[in-house]
N, C-alpha and C. Protein backbone atom coordinates (compact mmCIF):
# COMPACT_ATOMS: atom_id res chain seq x y z
N MET A 1 0.22 -33.29 -31.44
CA MET A 1 1.49 -32.67 -31.12
C MET A 1 2.32 -33.01 -29.99
N PRO A 2 3.27 -33.56 -30.02
CA PRO A 2 4.17 -33.68 -28.56
C PRO A 2 4.26 -32.36 -27.74
N PRO A 3 4.34 -32.07 -26.77
CA PRO A 3 4.13 -30.85 -25.95
C PRO A 3 5.87 -30.34 -26.10
N VAL A 4 6.94 -31.01 -25.99
CA VAL A 4 8.17 -30.59 -26.64
C VAL A 4 8.31 -30.13 -27.73
N LEU A 5 7.57 -30.55 -28.81
CA LEU A 5 7.57 -30.12 -29.88
C LEU A 5 6.72 -28.83 -30.46
N LEU A 6 5.69 -28.28 -29.52
CA LEU A 6 4.99 -27.35 -29.38
C LEU A 6 5.83 -25.88 -28.90
N LEU A 7 6.48 -26.70 -27.72
CA LEU A 7 7.52 -25.79 -27.08
C LEU A 7 8.61 -25.27 -27.79
N SER A 8 8.94 -26.07 -28.56
CA SER A 8 10.32 -25.92 -29.68
C SER A 8 9.79 -24.56 -30.51
N PHE A 9 8.71 -24.70 -31.15
CA PHE A 9 7.96 -23.84 -32.00
C PHE A 9 7.86 -22.82 -31.41
N VAL A 10 7.00 -22.76 -30.46
CA VAL A 10 6.66 -21.56 -29.83
C VAL A 10 8.01 -20.67 -29.58
N MET A 11 8.92 -21.02 -28.98
CA MET A 11 10.24 -20.62 -28.33
C MET A 11 10.97 -20.21 -29.42
N ALA A 12 10.86 -20.84 -30.56
CA ALA A 12 11.62 -20.55 -32.09
C ALA A 12 10.94 -19.08 -32.75
N CYS A 13 9.38 -19.05 -32.69
CA CYS A 13 8.56 -18.17 -33.05
C CYS A 13 8.86 -16.95 -32.34
N LEU A 14 8.95 -17.27 -31.13
CA LEU A 14 9.20 -15.77 -30.38
C LEU A 14 10.39 -15.14 -30.56
N TYR A 15 11.54 -16.28 -30.71
CA TYR A 15 12.91 -15.28 -31.04
C TYR A 15 12.87 -15.02 -32.24
N GLY A 16 12.32 -15.33 -33.29
CA GLY A 16 12.10 -14.77 -34.71
C GLY A 16 11.61 -13.36 -34.60
N THR A 17 10.18 -13.32 -33.99
CA THR A 17 9.46 -12.04 -33.54
C THR A 17 10.40 -11.11 -32.79
N LEU A 18 10.68 -11.47 -31.73
CA LEU A 18 11.66 -10.26 -31.06
C LEU A 18 12.79 -10.09 -32.08
N PHE A 19 13.37 -10.83 -32.70
CA PHE A 19 14.79 -10.43 -33.67
C PHE A 19 14.01 -9.13 -34.65
N HIS A 20 12.88 -9.63 -35.17
CA HIS A 20 12.16 -8.62 -36.26
C HIS A 20 11.87 -7.37 -35.53
N LEU A 21 11.36 -7.81 -34.58
CA LEU A 21 11.08 -6.40 -33.83
C LEU A 21 12.34 -5.40 -33.23
N TRP A 22 13.38 -6.17 -33.02
CA TRP A 22 14.90 -5.48 -32.81
C TRP A 22 15.62 -4.86 -34.20
N ARG A 23 15.76 -5.63 -34.85
CA ARG A 23 16.49 -5.46 -36.10
C ARG A 23 15.57 -5.16 -37.66
N GLY A 24 14.24 -5.82 -37.38
CA GLY A 24 13.80 -5.82 -38.90
C GLY A 24 13.20 -4.43 -39.77
N ARG A 25 13.31 -3.98 -40.69
CA ARG A 25 12.83 -3.23 -41.03
C ARG A 25 11.63 -3.58 -41.93
N THR A 26 11.16 -4.18 -42.61
CA THR A 26 9.73 -4.26 -43.27
C THR A 26 9.45 -5.29 -42.84
N ILE A 27 7.73 -5.71 -42.97
CA ILE A 27 7.13 -6.70 -42.68
C ILE A 27 7.61 -7.83 -43.44
N ARG A 28 8.02 -7.81 -44.63
CA ARG A 28 8.41 -8.89 -45.91
C ARG A 28 9.57 -9.75 -44.82
N GLU A 29 10.46 -9.04 -43.92
CA GLU A 29 11.73 -9.82 -43.42
C GLU A 29 10.89 -10.93 -42.28
N LEU A 30 9.95 -10.39 -41.90
CA LEU A 30 9.57 -11.34 -40.52
C LEU A 30 9.26 -13.07 -41.08
N PRO A 31 8.93 -13.29 -42.25
CA PRO A 31 8.47 -14.71 -42.52
C PRO A 31 10.21 -15.23 -42.51
N LEU A 32 11.14 -14.08 -43.10
CA LEU A 32 12.43 -15.23 -43.04
C LEU A 32 12.99 -15.25 -42.04
N TYR A 33 12.77 -14.33 -40.97
CA TYR A 33 13.44 -14.53 -39.72
C TYR A 33 12.68 -15.64 -38.76
N LEU A 34 11.27 -15.91 -38.80
CA LEU A 34 10.84 -16.97 -38.37
C LEU A 34 11.52 -18.46 -38.91
N VAL A 35 11.46 -18.41 -40.10
CA VAL A 35 11.89 -19.70 -40.72
C VAL A 35 13.89 -19.75 -40.35
N ALA A 36 14.36 -18.83 -40.15
CA ALA A 36 15.63 -19.11 -39.76
C ALA A 36 15.59 -19.28 -38.21
N ALA A 37 14.82 -18.80 -37.38
CA ALA A 37 14.71 -19.10 -36.09
C ALA A 37 14.47 -20.54 -35.78
N VAL A 38 13.21 -21.02 -36.33
CA VAL A 38 13.05 -22.56 -36.15
C VAL A 38 14.11 -23.13 -36.80
N LEU A 39 14.07 -23.35 -37.75
CA LEU A 39 15.55 -23.87 -38.81
C LEU A 39 16.89 -23.98 -37.29
N GLY A 40 17.24 -22.73 -36.92
CA GLY A 40 18.22 -22.71 -35.98
C GLY A 40 17.78 -23.47 -34.87
N PHE A 41 16.58 -23.41 -34.47
CA PHE A 41 16.37 -24.04 -33.11
C PHE A 41 16.48 -25.31 -33.22
N GLY A 42 15.88 -26.20 -34.59
CA GLY A 42 15.95 -27.35 -34.60
C GLY A 42 17.48 -27.98 -35.03
N LEU A 43 18.36 -27.29 -35.34
CA LEU A 43 19.46 -27.63 -35.42
C LEU A 43 20.26 -27.46 -34.30
N GLY A 44 19.79 -26.67 -33.60
CA GLY A 44 20.44 -26.55 -32.11
C GLY A 44 20.14 -27.52 -31.36
N GLU A 45 18.94 -28.01 -31.41
CA GLU A 45 18.22 -29.14 -30.69
C GLU A 45 18.98 -30.48 -31.11
N LEU A 46 19.13 -30.66 -32.11
CA LEU A 46 20.06 -31.86 -32.82
C LEU A 46 21.32 -31.65 -32.28
N ALA A 47 22.03 -30.91 -32.50
CA ALA A 47 23.33 -30.58 -31.72
C ALA A 47 23.67 -30.66 -30.39
N GLY A 48 22.80 -30.32 -29.74
CA GLY A 48 22.50 -30.92 -28.41
C GLY A 48 22.36 -32.40 -27.92
N ASN A 49 21.59 -32.72 -28.74
CA ASN A 49 21.04 -34.47 -28.54
C ASN A 49 22.39 -35.19 -29.11
N THR A 50 23.20 -34.89 -29.93
CA THR A 50 24.36 -35.25 -30.89
C THR A 50 25.88 -35.38 -29.78
N ILE A 51 25.83 -33.87 -29.43
CA ILE A 51 26.90 -33.83 -28.43
C ILE A 51 26.88 -34.30 -27.16
N GLY A 52 25.99 -34.30 -26.60
CA GLY A 52 25.38 -35.01 -25.38
C GLY A 52 25.28 -33.80 -24.13
N LEU A 53 25.45 -32.59 -24.59
CA LEU A 53 25.40 -31.58 -23.92
C LEU A 53 24.20 -31.42 -23.25
N ASP A 54 23.91 -31.13 -21.81
CA ASP A 54 22.87 -30.92 -20.85
C ASP A 54 23.23 -29.63 -20.46
N MET A 55 23.59 -28.81 -20.34
CA MET A 55 23.22 -27.46 -19.79
C MET A 55 22.06 -26.91 -18.76
N PHE A 56 21.05 -27.29 -19.49
CA PHE A 56 19.58 -26.50 -19.13
C PHE A 56 18.59 -27.23 -20.30
N MET A 57 17.96 -28.01 -19.42
CA MET A 57 17.25 -28.67 -20.04
C MET A 57 15.31 -28.66 -19.69
N ILE A 58 14.91 -28.56 -20.62
CA ILE A 58 13.48 -28.53 -20.06
C ILE A 58 12.76 -29.79 -20.53
N GLY A 59 12.54 -30.99 -19.68
CA GLY A 59 12.36 -32.43 -20.15
C GLY A 59 13.52 -32.69 -21.19
N PRO A 60 13.18 -33.26 -22.42
CA PRO A 60 13.88 -33.78 -23.42
C PRO A 60 14.43 -32.51 -24.38
N LEU A 61 14.03 -31.08 -24.03
CA LEU A 61 14.29 -29.99 -24.71
C LEU A 61 15.79 -29.41 -24.65
N HIS A 62 16.79 -29.52 -25.03
CA HIS A 62 18.14 -28.61 -24.86
C HIS A 62 17.57 -27.17 -25.14
N VAL A 63 17.26 -26.43 -24.20
CA VAL A 63 16.98 -24.94 -24.29
C VAL A 63 18.57 -24.13 -24.90
N VAL A 64 19.04 -24.17 -23.90
CA VAL A 64 20.49 -23.62 -24.45
C VAL A 64 20.78 -23.38 -25.52
N GLU A 65 21.38 -24.94 -26.11
CA GLU A 65 22.00 -24.74 -27.25
C GLU A 65 21.09 -24.77 -28.43
N ALA A 66 19.71 -24.95 -28.19
CA ALA A 66 18.94 -24.40 -29.25
C ALA A 66 18.58 -23.03 -29.24
N SER A 67 18.48 -22.55 -28.24
CA SER A 67 18.51 -20.81 -28.28
C SER A 67 19.87 -20.10 -29.06
N LEU A 68 20.88 -20.66 -28.41
CA LEU A 68 22.08 -20.11 -29.25
C LEU A 68 22.15 -20.08 -30.85
N VAL A 69 21.84 -21.54 -31.00
CA VAL A 69 22.02 -21.81 -32.54
C VAL A 69 20.64 -20.80 -33.05
N SER A 70 19.55 -20.75 -32.49
CA SER A 70 18.59 -20.07 -33.17
C SER A 70 19.08 -18.87 -33.37
N TRP A 71 19.76 -17.70 -32.13
CA TRP A 71 19.98 -16.41 -32.52
C TRP A 71 21.13 -16.12 -33.51
N GLY A 72 22.05 -17.34 -33.58
CA GLY A 72 23.22 -17.32 -34.66
C GLY A 72 22.17 -17.21 -36.14
N MET A 73 21.40 -18.22 -36.15
CA MET A 73 20.87 -18.33 -37.54
C MET A 73 20.31 -16.90 -37.96
N LEU A 74 19.55 -16.36 -36.80
CA LEU A 74 18.95 -15.20 -36.81
C LEU A 74 20.12 -13.80 -37.44
N PHE A 75 21.22 -14.03 -36.67
CA PHE A 75 22.20 -12.91 -37.16
C PHE A 75 22.52 -13.18 -38.71
N ILE A 76 22.80 -14.65 -38.63
CA ILE A 76 23.28 -14.98 -40.28
C ILE A 76 22.48 -14.58 -41.07
N ALA A 77 21.16 -15.05 -41.02
CA ALA A 77 20.03 -14.51 -41.96
C ALA A 77 20.17 -12.76 -42.29
N ARG A 78 20.35 -12.22 -41.22
CA ARG A 78 20.10 -10.77 -41.04
C ARG A 78 21.59 -10.28 -42.34
N TRP A 79 22.48 -11.01 -41.79
CA TRP A 79 24.05 -10.52 -42.55
C TRP A 79 23.66 -10.89 -44.17
N LEU A 80 23.14 -12.06 -43.94
CA LEU A 80 22.85 -12.32 -45.76
C LEU A 80 22.11 -11.79 -46.48
N LYS A 81 21.02 -11.28 -45.99
CA LYS A 81 19.95 -10.35 -46.49
C LYS A 81 20.63 -9.00 -46.79
N VAL A 82 21.10 -8.76 -46.01
CA VAL A 82 21.85 -7.27 -46.18
C VAL A 82 22.45 -7.23 -47.54
């Protein structure tokens, strides 16, 4: 597994877990938030590559763009769930 992929997965899972600790109600919501965070992180990375934004990068990873979309997906998942 490439290191950038592992870092992306770890960061996305961290975001999903932190969001669940902050806004989650039951343990059944944790998988939903993890999937939303990983999906959002991937979409944010893809958007960063496509648009060519290079705000803050760790190697080839667009950290800011991926993080923003990941958190956005978490809030959307929370909103759609309620």
